[in-house]
Amino acid sequence: MPASINQCLLLLSLAVFSGISFAASAHEQNQLNLVQQQLDTIERLATRAETNRTSEPNERYRFDYPRLTQDIQRIRRGVQGYLSPSRAQPRDPGELTGDYRLDAPPAEPSP
């Protein structure tokens, strides 16, 4: 499941950031509203996956759900900022991390 979330987030971010400077029509605004709804869905799926996650004692890596949530919120702010701009000057969109793998903490030795 984490791989599909990562792929969806990547596709959405590419779609949002590649067309952000050209969005003007009502059709495009509708499409960006759909992107925001999809971001909500991805965030709910990620929250559900994090809640249902079971930690294996020997796992080396785990998915970084907080970082994914931060990236989703950053994309959401970018879309919302475009749809309701507070100023006319261009902004630096920043860079998404894109790396959602964390090293798992070492297992505690059994007594």
PDB file of N, CA and C in Angstrom:
ATOM      1  N   MET A   1       0.803  -1.206   0.000  1.00  0.00           N
ATOM      2  CA  MET A   1       0.000   0.000   0.000  1.00  0.00           C
ATOM      3  C   MET A   1       0.844   1.267   0.000  1.00  0.00           C
ATOM      4  N   PRO A   2       1.961   1.343   0.781  1.00  0.00           N
ATOM      5  CA  PRO A   2       2.758   2.567   0.760  1.00  0.00           C
ATOM      6  C   PRO A   2       3.281   2.922  -0.621  1.00  0.00           C
ATOM      7  N   ALA A   3       3.622   1.935  -1.439  1.00  0.00           N
ATOM      8  CA  ALA A   3       4.133   2.243  -2.774  1.00  0.00           C
ATOM      9  C   ALA A   3       3.064   2.921  -3.614  1.00  0.00           C
ATOM     10  N   SER A   4       1.821   2.484  -3.498  1.00  0.00           N
ATOM     11  CA  SER A   4       0.762   3.109  -4.287  1.00  0.00           C
ATOM     12  C   SER A   4       0.474   4.528  -3.807  1.00  0.00           C
ATOM     13  N   ILE A   5       0.582   4.765  -2.521  1.00  0.00           N
ATOM     14  CA  ILE A   5       0.405   6.122  -1.994  1.00  0.00           C
ATOM     15  C   ILE A   5       1.508   7.022  -2.529  1.00  0.00           C
ATOM     16  N   ASN A   6       2.732   6.520  -2.520  1.00  0.00           N
ATOM     17  CA  ASN A   6       3.868   7.289  -3.009  1.00  0.00           C
ATOM     18  C   ASN A   6       3.698   7.613  -4.494  1.00  0.00           C
ATOM     19  N   GLN A   7       3.252   6.646  -5.280  1.00  0.00           N
ATOM     20  CA  GLN A   7       3.057   6.866  -6.705  1.00  0.00           C
ATOM     21  C   GLN A   7       1.954   7.887  -6.961  1.00  0.00           C
ATOM     22  N   CYS A   8       0.855   7.797  -6.217  1.00  0.00           N
ATOM     23  CA  CYS A   8      -0.241   8.766  -6.374  1.00  0.00           C
ATOM     24  C   CYS A   8       0.225  10.171  -6.033  1.00  0.00           C
ATOM     25  N   LEU A   9       0.980  10.277  -4.938  1.00  0.00           N
ATOM     26  CA  LEU A   9       1.472  11.588  -4.527  1.00  0.00           C
ATOM     27  C   LEU A   9       2.409  12.170  -5.583  1.00  0.00           C
ATOM     28  N   LEU A  10       3.269  11.347  -6.130  1.00  0.00           N
ATOM     29  CA  LEU A  10       4.190  11.819  -7.157  1.00  0.00           C
ATOM     30  C   LEU A  10       3.434  12.296  -8.388  1.00  0.00           C
ATOM     31  N   LEU A  11       2.455  11.519  -8.842  1.00  0.00           N
ATOM     32  CA  LEU A  11       1.669  11.911 -10.017  1.00  0.00           C
ATOM     33  C   LEU A  11       0.899  13.201  -9.762  1.00  0.00           C
ATOM     34  N   LEU A  12       0.306  13.323  -8.587  1.00  0.00           N
ATOM     35  CA  LEU A  12      -0.439  14.534  -8.275  1.00  0.00           C
ATOM     36  C   LEU A  12       0.474  15.744  -8.196  1.00  0.00           C
ATOM     37  N   SER A  13       1.638  15.574  -7.581  1.00  0.00           N
ATOM     38  CA  SER A  13       2.543  16.716  -7.479  1.00  0.00           C
ATOM     39  C   SER A  13       3.038  17.149  -8.852  1.00  0.00           C
ATOM     40  N   LEU A  14       3.320  16.191  -9.728  1.00  0.00           N
ATOM     41  CA  LEU A  14       3.740  16.545 -11.087  1.00  0.00           C
ATOM     42  C   LEU A  14       2.622  17.266 -11.828  1.00  0.00           C
ATOM     43  N   ALA A  15       1.402  16.792 -11.682  1.00  0.00           N
ATOM     44  CA  ALA A  15       0.273  17.429 -12.357  1.00  0.00           C
ATOM     45  C   ALA A  15       0.045  18.833 -11.830  1.00  0.00           C
ATOM     46  N   VAL A  16       0.162  19.006 -10.535  1.00  0.00           N
ATOM     47  CA  VAL A  16      -0.079  20.314  -9.928  1.00  0.00           C
ATOM     48  C   VAL A  16       1.019  21.297 -10.299  1.00  0.00           C
ATOM     49  N   PHE A  17       2.278  20.897 -10.111  1.00  0.00           N
ATOM     50  CA  PHE A  17       3.365  21.837 -10.316  1.00  0.00           C
ATOM     51  C   PHE A  17       3.672  22.088 -11.786  1.00  0.00           C
ATOM     52  N   SER A  18       3.353  21.155 -12.668  1.00  0.00           N
ATOM     53  CA  SER A  18       3.648  21.382 -14.078  1.00  0.00           C
ATOM     54  C   SER A  18       2.659  22.362 -14.710  1.00  0.00           C
ATOM     55  N   GLY A  19       1.442  22.450 -14.215  1.00  0.00           N
ATOM     56  CA  GLY A  19       0.452  23.320 -14.817  1.00  0.00           C
ATOM     57  C   GLY A  19       0.079  24.516 -13.978  1.00  0.00           C
ATOM     58  N   ILE A  20       0.795  24.752 -12.900  1.00  0.00           N
ATOM     59  CA  ILE A  20       0.370  25.786 -11.980  1.00  0.00           C
ATOM     60  C   ILE A  20       0.434  27.186 -12.572  1.00  0.00           C
ATOM     61  N   SER A  21       1.403  27.459 -13.441  1.00  0.00           N
ATOM     62  CA  SER A  21       1.532  28.817 -13.957  1.00  0.00           C
ATOM     63  C   SER A  21       0.537  29.107 -15.078  1.00  0.00           C
ATOM     64  N   PHE A  22      -0.168  28.097 -15.576  1.00  0.00           N
ATOM     65  CA  PHE A  22      -1.067  28.298 -16.696  1.00  0.00           C
ATOM     66  C   PHE A  22      -2.541  28.201 -16.324  1.00  0.00           C
ATOM     67  N   ALA A  23      -2.840  27.884 -15.078  1.00  0.00           N
ATOM     68  CA  ALA A  23      -4.234  27.687 -14.687  1.00  0.00           C
ATOM     69  C   ALA A  23      -4.969  29.011 -14.672  1.00  0.00           C
ATOM     70  N   ALA A  24      -6.031  29.099 -15.449  1.00  0.00           N
ATOM     71  CA  ALA A  24      -6.814  30.321 -15.481  1.00  0.00           C
ATOM     72  C   ALA A  24      -8.278  30.030 -15.760  1.00  0.00           C
ATOM     73  N   SER A  25      -8.546  28.994 -16.512  1.00  0.00           N
ATOM     74  CA  SER A  25      -9.907  28.725 -16.936  1.00  0.00           C
ATOM     75  C   SER A  25     -10.722  28.082 -15.818  1.00  0.00           C
ATOM     76  N   ALA A  26     -12.030  28.158 -15.978  1.00  0.00           N
ATOM     77  CA  ALA A  26     -12.934  27.527 -15.010  1.00  0.00           C
ATOM     78  C   ALA A  26     -12.729  26.019 -15.016  1.00  0.00           C
ATOM     79  N   HIS A  27     -12.466  25.467 -16.202  1.00  0.00           N
ATOM     80  CA  HIS A  27     -12.223  24.025 -16.289  1.00  0.00           C
ATOM     81  C   HIS A  27     -10.998  23.627 -15.466  1.00  0.00           C
ATOM     82  N   GLU A  28      -9.935  24.401 -15.586  1.00  0.00           N
ATOM     83  CA  GLU A  28      -8.722  24.071 -14.839  1.00  0.00           C
ATOM     84  C   GLU A  28      -8.928  24.255 -13.342  1.00  0.00           C
ATOM     85  N   GLN A  29      -9.682  25.268 -12.956  1.00  0.00           N
ATOM     86  CA  GLN A  29      -9.978  25.445 -11.534  1.00  0.00           C
ATOM     87  C   GLN A  29     -10.765  24.255 -11.006  1.00  0.00           C
ATOM     88  N   ASN A  30     -11.694  23.747 -11.811  1.00  0.00           N
ATOM     89  CA  ASN A  30     -12.432  22.548 -11.412  1.00  0.00           C
ATOM     90  C   ASN A  30     -11.485  21.363 -11.260  1.00  0.00           C
ATOM     91  N   GLN A  31     -10.548  21.234 -12.188  1.00  0.00           N
ATOM     92  CA  GLN A  31      -9.584  20.140 -12.116  1.00  0.00           C
ATOM     93  C   GLN A  31      -8.707  20.258 -10.867  1.00  0.00           C
ATOM     94  N   LEU A  32      -8.302  21.466 -10.533  1.00  0.00           N
ATOM     95  CA  LEU A  32      -7.491  21.659  -9.328  1.00  0.00           C
ATOM     96  C   LEU A  32      -8.304  21.394  -8.063  1.00  0.00           C
ATOM     97  N   ASN A  33      -9.588  21.697  -8.102  1.00  0.00           N
ATOM     98  CA  ASN A  33     -10.448  21.338  -6.972  1.00  0.00           C
ATOM     99  C   ASN A  33     -10.514  19.821  -6.821  1.00  0.00           C
ATOM    100  N   LEU A  34     -10.552  19.107  -7.945  1.00  0.00           N
ATOM    101  CA  LEU A  34     -10.522  17.642  -7.897  1.00  0.00           C
ATOM    102  C   LEU A  34      -9.196  17.133  -7.334  1.00  0.00           C
ATOM    103  N   VAL A  35      -8.109  17.795  -7.686  1.00  0.00           N
ATOM    104  CA  VAL A  35      -6.800  17.429  -7.142  1.00  0.00           C
ATOM    105  C   VAL A  35      -6.831  17.558  -5.619  1.00  0.00           C
ATOM    106  N   GLN A  36      -7.417  18.643  -5.122  1.00  0.00           N
ATOM    107  CA  GLN A  36      -7.511  18.825  -3.673  1.00  0.00           C
ATOM    108  C   GLN A  36      -8.335  17.710  -3.029  1.00  0.00           C
ATOM    109  N   GLN A  37      -9.418  17.315  -3.666  1.00  0.00           N
ATOM    110  CA  GLN A  37     -10.216  16.210  -3.128  1.00  0.00           C
ATOM    111  C   GLN A  37      -9.415  14.913  -3.125  1.00  0.00           C
ATOM    112  N   GLN A  38      -8.626  14.695  -4.163  1.00  0.00           N
ATOM    113  CA  GLN A  38      -7.800  13.493  -4.223  1.00  0.00           C
ATOM    114  C   GLN A  38      -6.712  13.522  -3.156  1.00  0.00           C
ATOM    115  N   LEU A  39      -6.172  14.704  -2.884  1.00  0.00           N
ATOM    116  CA  LEU A  39      -5.196  14.831  -1.799  1.00  0.00           C
ATOM    117  C   LEU A  39      -5.839  14.464  -0.460  1.00  0.00           C
ATOM    118  N   ASP A  40      -7.078  14.887  -0.257  1.00  0.00           N
ATOM    119  CA  ASP A  40      -7.802  14.513   0.963  1.00  0.00           C
ATOM    120  C   ASP A  40      -7.926  12.994   1.062  1.00  0.00           C
ATOM    121  N   THR A  41      -8.259  12.356  -0.059  1.00  0.00           N
ATOM    122  CA  THR A  41      -8.409  10.899  -0.080  1.00  0.00           C
ATOM    123  C   THR A  41      -7.082  10.216   0.222  1.00  0.00           C
ATOM    124  N   ILE A  42      -6.012  10.685  -0.403  1.00  0.00           N
ATOM    125  CA  ILE A  42      -4.690  10.097  -0.158  1.00  0.00           C
ATOM    126  C   ILE A  42      -4.301  10.265   1.300  1.00  0.00           C
ATOM    127  N   GLU A  43      -4.587  11.426   1.869  1.00  0.00           N
ATOM    128  CA  GLU A  43      -4.242  11.657   3.268  1.00  0.00           C
ATOM    129  C   GLU A  43      -5.031  10.724   4.191  1.00  0.00           C
ATOM    130  N   ARG A  44      -6.317  10.518   3.886  1.00  0.00           N
ATOM    131  CA  ARG A  44      -7.119   9.582   4.688  1.00  0.00           C
ATOM    132  C   ARG A  44      -6.574   8.162   4.570  1.00  0.00           C
ATOM    133  N   LEU A  45      -6.205   7.748   3.344  1.00  0.00           N
ATOM    134  CA  LEU A  45      -5.641   6.411   3.142  1.00  0.00           C
ATOM    135  C   LEU A  45      -4.325   6.246   3.902  1.00  0.00           C
ATOM    136  N   ALA A  46      -3.496   7.258   3.876  1.00  0.00           N
ATOM    137  CA  ALA A  46      -2.219   7.196   4.592  1.00  0.00           C
ATOM    138  C   ALA A  46      -2.447   7.114   6.099  1.00  0.00           C
ATOM    139  N   THR A  47      -3.407   7.878   6.601  1.00  0.00           N
ATOM    140  CA  THR A  47      -3.720   7.833   8.029  1.00  0.00           C
ATOM    141  C   THR A  47      -4.224   6.449   8.418  1.00  0.00           C
ATOM    142  N   ARG A  48      -5.082   5.882   7.577  1.00  0.00           N
ATOM    143  CA  ARG A  48      -5.605   4.536   7.847  1.00  0.00           C
ATOM    144  C   ARG A  48      -4.478   3.505   7.806  1.00  0.00           C
ATOM    145  N   ALA A  49      -3.585   3.628   6.826  1.00  0.00           N
ATOM    146  CA  ALA A  49      -2.467   2.684   6.716  1.00  0.00           C
ATOM    147  C   ALA A  49      -1.549   2.796   7.929  1.00  0.00           C
ATOM    148  N   GLU A  50      -1.312   4.027   8.384  1.00  0.00           N
ATOM    149  CA  GLU A  50      -0.452   4.215   9.554  1.00  0.00           C
ATOM    150  C   GLU A  50      -1.104   3.628  10.801  1.00  0.00           C
ATOM    151  N   THR A  51      -2.406   3.819  10.935  1.00  0.00           N
ATOM    152  CA  THR A  51      -3.128   3.298  12.089  1.00  0.00           C
ATOM    153  C   THR A  51      -3.121   1.770  12.107  1.00  0.00           C
ATOM    154  N   ASN A  52      -3.251   1.154  10.937  1.00  0.00           N
ATOM    155  CA  ASN A  52      -3.319  -0.307  10.836  1.00  0.00           C
ATOM    156  C   ASN A  52      -1.955  -0.968  10.698  1.00  0.00           C
ATOM    157  N   ARG A  53      -0.905  -0.188  10.710  1.00  0.00           N
ATOM    158  CA  ARG A  53       0.449  -0.726  10.548  1.00  0.00           C
ATOM    159  C   ARG A  53       0.813  -1.619  11.732  1.00  0.00           C
ATOM    160  N   THR A  54       1.423  -2.730  11.428  1.00  0.00           N
ATOM    161  CA  THR A  54       1.937  -3.601  12.479  1.00  0.00           C
ATOM    162  C   THR A  54       3.448  -3.630  12.348  1.00  0.00           C
ATOM    163  N   SER A  55       4.125  -3.393  13.426  1.00  0.00           N
ATOM    164  CA  SER A  55       5.587  -3.380  13.409  1.00  0.00           C
ATOM    165  C   SER A  55       6.123  -4.790  13.566  1.00  0.00           C
ATOM    166  N   GLU A  56       7.013  -5.136  12.689  1.00  0.00           N
ATOM    167  CA  GLU A  56       7.692  -6.425  12.770  1.00  0.00           C
ATOM    168  C   GLU A  56       8.970  -6.214  13.579  1.00  0.00           C
ATOM    169  N   PRO A  57       9.318  -7.150  14.436  1.00  0.00           N
ATOM    170  CA  PRO A  57      10.498  -6.955  15.293  1.00  0.00           C
ATOM    171  C   PRO A  57      11.805  -6.849  14.515  1.00  0.00           C
ATOM    172  N   ASN A  58      11.887  -7.469  13.347  1.00  0.00           N
ATOM    173  CA  ASN A  58      13.140  -7.455  12.581  1.00  0.00           C
ATOM    174  C   ASN A  58      13.096  -6.525  11.381  1.00  0.00           C
ATOM    175  N   GLU A  59      12.117  -5.651  11.283  1.00  0.00           N
ATOM    176  CA  GLU A  59      12.045  -4.785  10.106  1.00  0.00           C
ATOM    177  C   GLU A  59      13.176  -3.761  10.149  1.00  0.00           C
ATOM    178  N   ARG A  60      13.746  -3.540   8.985  1.00  0.00           N
ATOM    179  CA  ARG A  60      14.865  -2.609   8.887  1.00  0.00           C
ATOM    180  C   ARG A  60      14.393  -1.198   8.563  1.00  0.00           C
ATOM    181  N   TYR A  61      13.329  -1.107   7.773  1.00  0.00           N
ATOM    182  CA  TYR A  61      12.800   0.186   7.365  1.00  0.00           C
ATOM    183  C   TYR A  61      11.317   0.241   7.655  1.00  0.00           C
ATOM    184  N   ARG A  62      10.828   1.440   7.774  1.00  0.00           N
ATOM    185  CA  ARG A  62       9.389   1.649   7.893  1.00  0.00           C
ATOM    186  C   ARG A  62       9.027   2.887   7.086  1.00  0.00           C
ATOM    187  N   PHE A  63       7.765   3.012   6.730  1.00  0.00           N
ATOM    188  CA  PHE A  63       7.300   4.124   5.910  1.00  0.00           C
ATOM    189  C   PHE A  63       7.180   5.376   6.774  1.00  0.00           C
ATOM    190  N   ASP A  64       7.607   6.514   6.251  1.00  0.00           N
ATOM    191  CA  ASP A  64       7.592   7.789   6.988  1.00  0.00           C
ATOM    192  C   ASP A  64       6.274   8.512   6.718  1.00  0.00           C
ATOM    193  N   TYR A  65       5.237   8.135   7.443  1.00  0.00           N
ATOM    194  CA  TYR A  65       3.918   8.724   7.264  1.00  0.00           C
ATOM    195  C   TYR A  65       3.878  10.220   7.601  1.00  0.00           C
ATOM    196  N   PRO A  66       4.529  10.680   8.666  1.00  0.00           N
ATOM    197  CA  PRO A  66       4.502  12.125   8.932  1.00  0.00           C
ATOM    198  C   PRO A  66       5.083  12.956   7.785  1.00  0.00           C
ATOM    199  N   ARG A  67       6.144  12.471   7.150  1.00  0.00           N
ATOM    200  CA  ARG A  67       6.735  13.213   6.031  1.00  0.00           C
ATOM    201  C   ARG A  67       5.780  13.240   4.843  1.00  0.00           C
ATOM    202  N   LEU A  68       5.109  12.115   4.591  1.00  0.00           N
ATOM    203  CA  LEU A  68       4.123  12.071   3.514  1.00  0.00           C
ATOM    204  C   LEU A  68       3.014  13.081   3.783  1.00  0.00           C
ATOM    205  N   THR A  69       2.534  13.132   5.008  1.00  0.00           N
ATOM    206  CA  THR A  69       1.473  14.075   5.374  1.00  0.00           C
ATOM    207  C   THR A  69       1.935  15.518   5.175  1.00  0.00           C
ATOM    208  N   GLN A  70       3.172  15.816   5.538  1.00  0.00           N
ATOM    209  CA  GLN A  70       3.709  17.173   5.336  1.00  0.00           C
ATOM    210  C   GLN A  70       3.762  17.517   3.853  1.00  0.00           C
ATOM    211  N   ASP A  71       4.187  16.573   3.021  1.00  0.00           N
ATOM    212  CA  ASP A  71       4.249  16.828   1.582  1.00  0.00           C
ATOM    213  C   ASP A  71       2.857  17.028   0.988  1.00  0.00           C
ATOM    214  N   ILE A  72       1.893  16.235   1.433  1.00  0.00           N
ATOM    215  CA  ILE A  72       0.515  16.407   0.961  1.00  0.00           C
ATOM    216  C   ILE A  72       0.006  17.795   1.343  1.00  0.00           C
ATOM    217  N   GLN A  73       0.283  18.215   2.566  1.00  0.00           N
ATOM    218  CA  GLN A  73      -0.156  19.542   2.999  1.00  0.00           C
ATOM    219  C   GLN A  73       0.538  20.642   2.203  1.00  0.00           C
ATOM    220  N   ARG A  74       1.790  20.436   1.863  1.00  0.00           N
ATOM    221  CA  ARG A  74       2.518  21.434   1.063  1.00  0.00           C
ATOM    222  C   ARG A  74       1.900  21.560  -0.327  1.00  0.00           C
ATOM    223  N   ILE A  75       1.567  20.421  -0.943  1.00  0.00           N
ATOM    224  CA  ILE A  75       0.920  20.455  -2.256  1.00  0.00           C
ATOM    225  C   ILE A  75      -0.436  21.138  -2.141  1.00  0.00           C
ATOM    226  N   ARG A  76      -1.197  20.783  -1.096  1.00  0.00           N
ATOM    227  CA  ARG A  76      -2.522  21.379  -0.893  1.00  0.00           C
ATOM    228  C   ARG A  76      -2.415  22.908  -0.743  1.00  0.00           C
ATOM    229  N   ARG A  77      -1.432  23.370   0.028  1.00  0.00           N
ATOM    230  CA  ARG A  77      -1.244  24.824   0.185  1.00  0.00           C
ATOM    231  C   ARG A  77      -0.886  25.480  -1.143  1.00  0.00           C
ATOM    232  N   GLY A  78      -0.069  24.789  -1.959  1.00  0.00           N
ATOM    233  CA  GLY A  78       0.299  25.334  -3.264  1.00  0.00           C
ATOM    234  C   GLY A  78      -0.903  25.482  -4.180  1.00  0.00           C
ATOM    235  N   VAL A  79      -1.746  24.471  -4.212  1.00  0.00           N
ATOM    236  CA  VAL A  79      -2.954  24.538  -5.049  1.00  0.00           C
ATOM    237  C   VAL A  79      -3.886  25.615  -4.524  1.00  0.00           C
ATOM    238  N   GLN A  80      -4.098  25.625  -3.211  1.00  0.00           N
ATOM    239  CA  GLN A  80      -5.002  26.626  -2.621  1.00  0.00           C
ATOM    240  C   GLN A  80      -4.451  28.034  -2.829  1.00  0.00           C
ATOM    241  N   GLY A  81      -3.132  28.186  -2.699  1.00  0.00           N
ATOM    242  CA  GLY A  81      -2.518  29.487  -2.926  1.00  0.00           C
ATOM    243  C   GLY A  81      -2.689  29.964  -4.353  1.00  0.00           C
ATOM    244  N   TYR A  82      -2.719  29.024  -5.286  1.00  0.00           N
ATOM    245  CA  TYR A  82      -2.945  29.388  -6.670  1.00  0.00           C
ATOM    246  C   TYR A  82      -4.408  29.765  -6.905  1.00  0.00           C
ATOM    247  N   LEU A  83      -5.311  28.962  -6.357  1.00  0.00           N
ATOM    248  CA  LEU A  83      -6.732  29.217  -6.565  1.00  0.00           C
ATOM    249  C   LEU A  83      -7.194  30.495  -5.871  1.00  0.00           C
ATOM    250  N   SER A  84      -6.575  30.833  -4.755  1.00  0.00           N
ATOM    251  CA  SER A  84      -6.916  32.048  -3.992  1.00  0.00           C
ATOM    252  C   SER A  84      -5.634  32.792  -3.660  1.00  0.00           C
ATOM    253  N   PRO A  85      -5.015  33.422  -4.662  1.00  0.00           N
ATOM    254  CA  PRO A  85      -3.722  34.068  -4.406  1.00  0.00           C
ATOM    255  C   PRO A  85      -3.860  35.261  -3.476  1.00  0.00           C
ATOM    256  N   SER A  86      -2.866  35.399  -2.601  1.00  0.00           N
ATOM    257  CA  SER A  86      -2.865  36.534  -1.686  1.00  0.00           C
ATOM    258  C   SER A  86      -2.007  37.676  -2.223  1.00  0.00           C
ATOM    259  N   ARG A  87      -1.208  37.383  -3.251  1.00  0.00           N
ATOM    260  CA  ARG A  87      -0.358  38.409  -3.859  1.00  0.00           C
ATOM    261  C   ARG A  87      -0.078  38.028  -5.299  1.00  0.00           C
ATOM    262  N   ALA A  88       0.380  38.979  -6.068  1.00  0.00           N
ATOM    263  CA  ALA A  88       0.597  38.750  -7.489  1.00  0.00           C
ATOM    264  C   ALA A  88       2.003  38.264  -7.808  1.00  0.00           C
ATOM    265  N   GLN A  89       2.924  38.309  -6.862  1.00  0.00           N
ATOM    266  CA  GLN A  89       4.301  37.927  -7.136  1.00  0.00           C
ATOM    267  C   GLN A  89       4.459  36.410  -7.100  1.00  0.00           C
ATOM    268  N   PRO A  90       5.356  35.877  -7.941  1.00  0.00           N
ATOM    269  CA  PRO A  90       5.599  34.431  -7.903  1.00  0.00           C
ATOM    270  C   PRO A  90       6.292  34.034  -6.601  1.00  0.00           C
ATOM    271  N   ARG A  91       6.015  32.813  -6.177  1.00  0.00           N
ATOM    272  CA  ARG A  91       6.613  32.295  -4.953  1.00  0.00           C
ATOM    273  C   ARG A  91       7.513  31.118  -5.280  1.00  0.00           C
ATOM    274  N   ASP A  92       8.444  30.849  -4.394  1.00  0.00           N
ATOM    275  CA  ASP A  92       9.287  29.669  -4.513  1.00  0.00           C
ATOM    276  C   ASP A  92       8.487  28.484  -3.995  1.00  0.00           C
ATOM    277  N   PRO A  93       8.171  27.497  -4.859  1.00  0.00           N
ATOM    278  CA  PRO A  93       7.328  26.389  -4.419  1.00  0.00           C
ATOM    279  C   PRO A  93       8.019  25.445  -3.446  1.00  0.00           C
ATOM    280  N   GLY A  94       9.318  25.512  -3.300  1.00  0.00           N
ATOM    281  CA  GLY A  94      10.018  24.590  -2.419  1.00  0.00           C
ATOM    282  C   GLY A  94      10.150  23.221  -3.065  1.00  0.00           C
ATOM    283  N   GLU A  95      10.817  22.345  -2.398  1.00  0.00           N
ATOM    284  CA  GLU A  95      11.076  21.028  -2.959  1.00  0.00           C
ATOM    285  C   GLU A  95      10.489  19.961  -2.053  1.00  0.00           C
ATOM    286  N   LEU A  96       9.806  18.992  -2.661  1.00  0.00           N
ATOM    287  CA  LEU A  96       9.280  17.865  -1.897  1.00  0.00           C
ATOM    288  C   LEU A  96      10.419  16.912  -1.594  1.00  0.00           C
ATOM    289  N   THR A  97      10.302  16.249  -0.490  1.00  0.00           N
ATOM    290  CA  THR A  97      11.339  15.315  -0.098  1.00  0.00           C
ATOM    291  C   THR A  97      11.311  14.079  -0.967  1.00  0.00           C
ATOM    292  N   GLY A  98      10.173  13.418  -1.043  1.00  0.00           N
ATOM    293  CA  GLY A  98      10.011  12.256  -1.883  1.00  0.00           C
ATOM    294  C   GLY A  98      10.587  10.966  -1.331  1.00  0.00           C
ATOM    295  N   ASP A  99      11.350  11.018  -0.255  1.00  0.00           N
ATOM    296  CA  ASP A  99      11.931   9.816   0.340  1.00  0.00           C
ATOM    297  C   ASP A  99      11.143   9.510   1.602  1.00  0.00           C
ATOM    298  N   TYR A 100      10.386   8.419   1.575  1.00  0.00           N
ATOM    299  CA  TYR A 100       9.492   8.104   2.684  1.00  0.00           C
ATOM    300  C   TYR A 100       9.924   6.853   3.438  1.00  0.00           C
ATOM    301  N   ARG A 101      11.174   6.487   3.347  1.00  0.00           N
ATOM    302  CA  ARG A 101      11.655   5.310   4.042  1.00  0.00           C
ATOM    303  C   ARG A 101      12.476   5.750   5.245  1.00  0.00           C
ATOM    304  N   LEU A 102      12.136   5.220   6.407  1.00  0.00           N
ATOM    305  CA  LEU A 102      12.865   5.500   7.636  1.00  0.00           C
ATOM    306  C   LEU A 102      13.572   4.230   8.101  1.00  0.00           C
ATOM    307  N   ASP A 103      14.737   4.390   8.675  1.00  0.00           N
ATOM    308  CA  ASP A 103      15.365   3.242   9.329  1.00  0.00           C
ATOM    309  C   ASP A 103      14.576   2.934  10.581  1.00  0.00           C
ATOM    310  N   ALA A 104      14.260   1.673  10.778  1.00  0.00           N
ATOM    311  CA  ALA A 104      13.525   1.271  11.968  1.00  0.00           C
ATOM    312  C   ALA A 104      14.463   1.328  13.164  1.00  0.00           C
ATOM    313  N   PRO A 105      13.947   1.713  14.319  1.00  0.00           N
ATOM    314  CA  PRO A 105      14.823   1.714  15.494  1.00  0.00           C
ATOM    315  C   PRO A 105      15.274   0.282  15.813  1.00  0.00           C
ATOM    316  N   PRO A 106      16.470   0.129  16.344  1.00  0.00           N
ATOM    317  CA  PRO A 106      16.955  -1.226  16.632  1.00  0.00           C
ATOM    318  C   PRO A 106      16.066  -1.890  17.675  1.00  0.00           C
ATOM    319  N   ALA A 107      15.878  -3.189  17.517  1.00  0.00           N
ATOM    320  CA  ALA A 107      15.041  -3.939  18.457  1.00  0.00           C
ATOM    321  C   ALA A 107      15.770  -4.053  19.781  1.00  0.00           C
ATOM    322  N   GLU A 108      15.005  -3.957  20.857  1.00  0.00           N
ATOM    323  CA  GLU A 108      15.582  -4.079  22.195  1.00  0.00           C
ATOM    324  C   GLU A 108      15.911  -5.550  22.443  1.00  0.00           C
ATOM    325  N   PRO A 109      17.088  -5.840  22.981  1.00  0.00           N
ATOM    326  CA  PRO A 109      17.433  -7.243  23.245  1.00  0.00           C
ATOM    327  C   PRO A 109      16.527  -7.833  24.332  1.00  0.00           C
ATOM    328  N   SER A 110      16.217  -9.089  24.169  1.00  0.00           N
ATOM    329  CA  SER A 110      15.392  -9.782  25.177  1.00  0.00           C
ATOM    330  C   SER A 110      16.220 -10.065  26.412  1.00  0.00           C
ATOM    331  N   PRO A 111      15.622  -9.925  27.602  1.00  0.00           N
ATOM    332  CA  PRO A 111      16.402 -10.182  28.830  1.00  0.00           C
ATOM    333  C   PRO A 111      16.693 -11.652  29.029  1.00  0.00           C
TER     334      PRO A 111
END
